[in-house]
Protein backbone atom coordinates (compact mmCIF):
# COMPACT_ATOMS: atom_id res chain seq x y z
CA MET A 1 0.18 -0.20 0.40
CA LEU A 2 3.00 2.56 0.40
CA PHE A 3 4.08 2.28 -2.79
CA LEU A 4 1.26 2.36 -4.32
CA ARG A 5 0.50 6.29 -2.33
CA ARG A 6 4.01 7.05 -3.18
CA GLU A 7 3.04 6.21 -7.25
CA GLU A 8 -0.11 7.90 -6.83
CA GLY A 9 1.53 11.02 -6.03
CA GLN A 10 4.69 11.35 -8.07
CA GLY A 11 2.04 10.74 -11.15
CA LEU A 12 0.16 13.86 -10.06
CA VAL A 13 3.88 15.46 -9.33
CA GLU A 14 4.13 14.53 -13.14
CA TYR A 15 0.82 15.66 -14.97
CA ALA A 16 1.36 18.58 -11.92
CA LEU A 17 4.92 19.31 -14.00
CA VAL A 18 3.77 18.73 -17.69
CA LEU A 19 1.17 21.88 -16.44
CA VAL A 20 3.73 24.09 -15.30
CA LEU A 21 5.59 23.42 -18.84
CA VAL A 22 2.52 24.07 -21.56
CA ALA A 23 1.43 27.10 -19.67
CA VAL A 24 4.74 28.27 -20.06
CA VAL A 25 5.25 27.55 -23.50
CA ILE A 26 1.80 28.97 -24.46
CA ILE A 27 2.56 32.17 -22.54
CA ALA A 28 6.37 32.84 -24.44
CA ILE A 29 3.99 31.68 -27.51
CA LEU A 30 1.37 34.92 -26.82
CA THR A 31 4.34 37.30 -25.47
CA LEU A 32 6.05 37.07 -29.02
CA LEU A 33 2.99 36.63 -31.66
CA GLY A 34 0.76 39.32 -28.79
CA PRO A 35 1.19 42.65 -30.61
CA GLN A 36 1.05 40.44 -34.13
CA ILE A 37 -2.48 39.39 -32.72
CA GLY A 38 -3.12 42.52 -32.12
CA ASN A 39 -2.96 43.77 -35.28
CA VAL A 40 -5.16 41.48 -36.89
CA PHE A 41 -7.76 41.69 -34.89
CA SER A 42 -7.51 45.83 -34.93
CA LYS A 43 -7.82 45.69 -39.01
CA ILE A 44 -10.48 43.23 -38.22
CA THR A 45 -12.78 46.19 -36.21
CA SER A 46 -11.44 48.79 -38.84
CA GLY A 47 -12.49 46.87 -41.84
CA LEU A 48 -15.82 46.05 -39.73
CA GLY A 49 -16.28 49.50 -38.68
């Protein structure tokens, strides 16, 4: 029983690390592409108006 608890805890830590890595990658992409995405939406809204 003790070994199962350790493995479950280890699995949760691995999932948490993967989620943190995905979050960091998404933040980096949005930081790099944010201004370009903003420009696209500005052109779309100005075209509609």
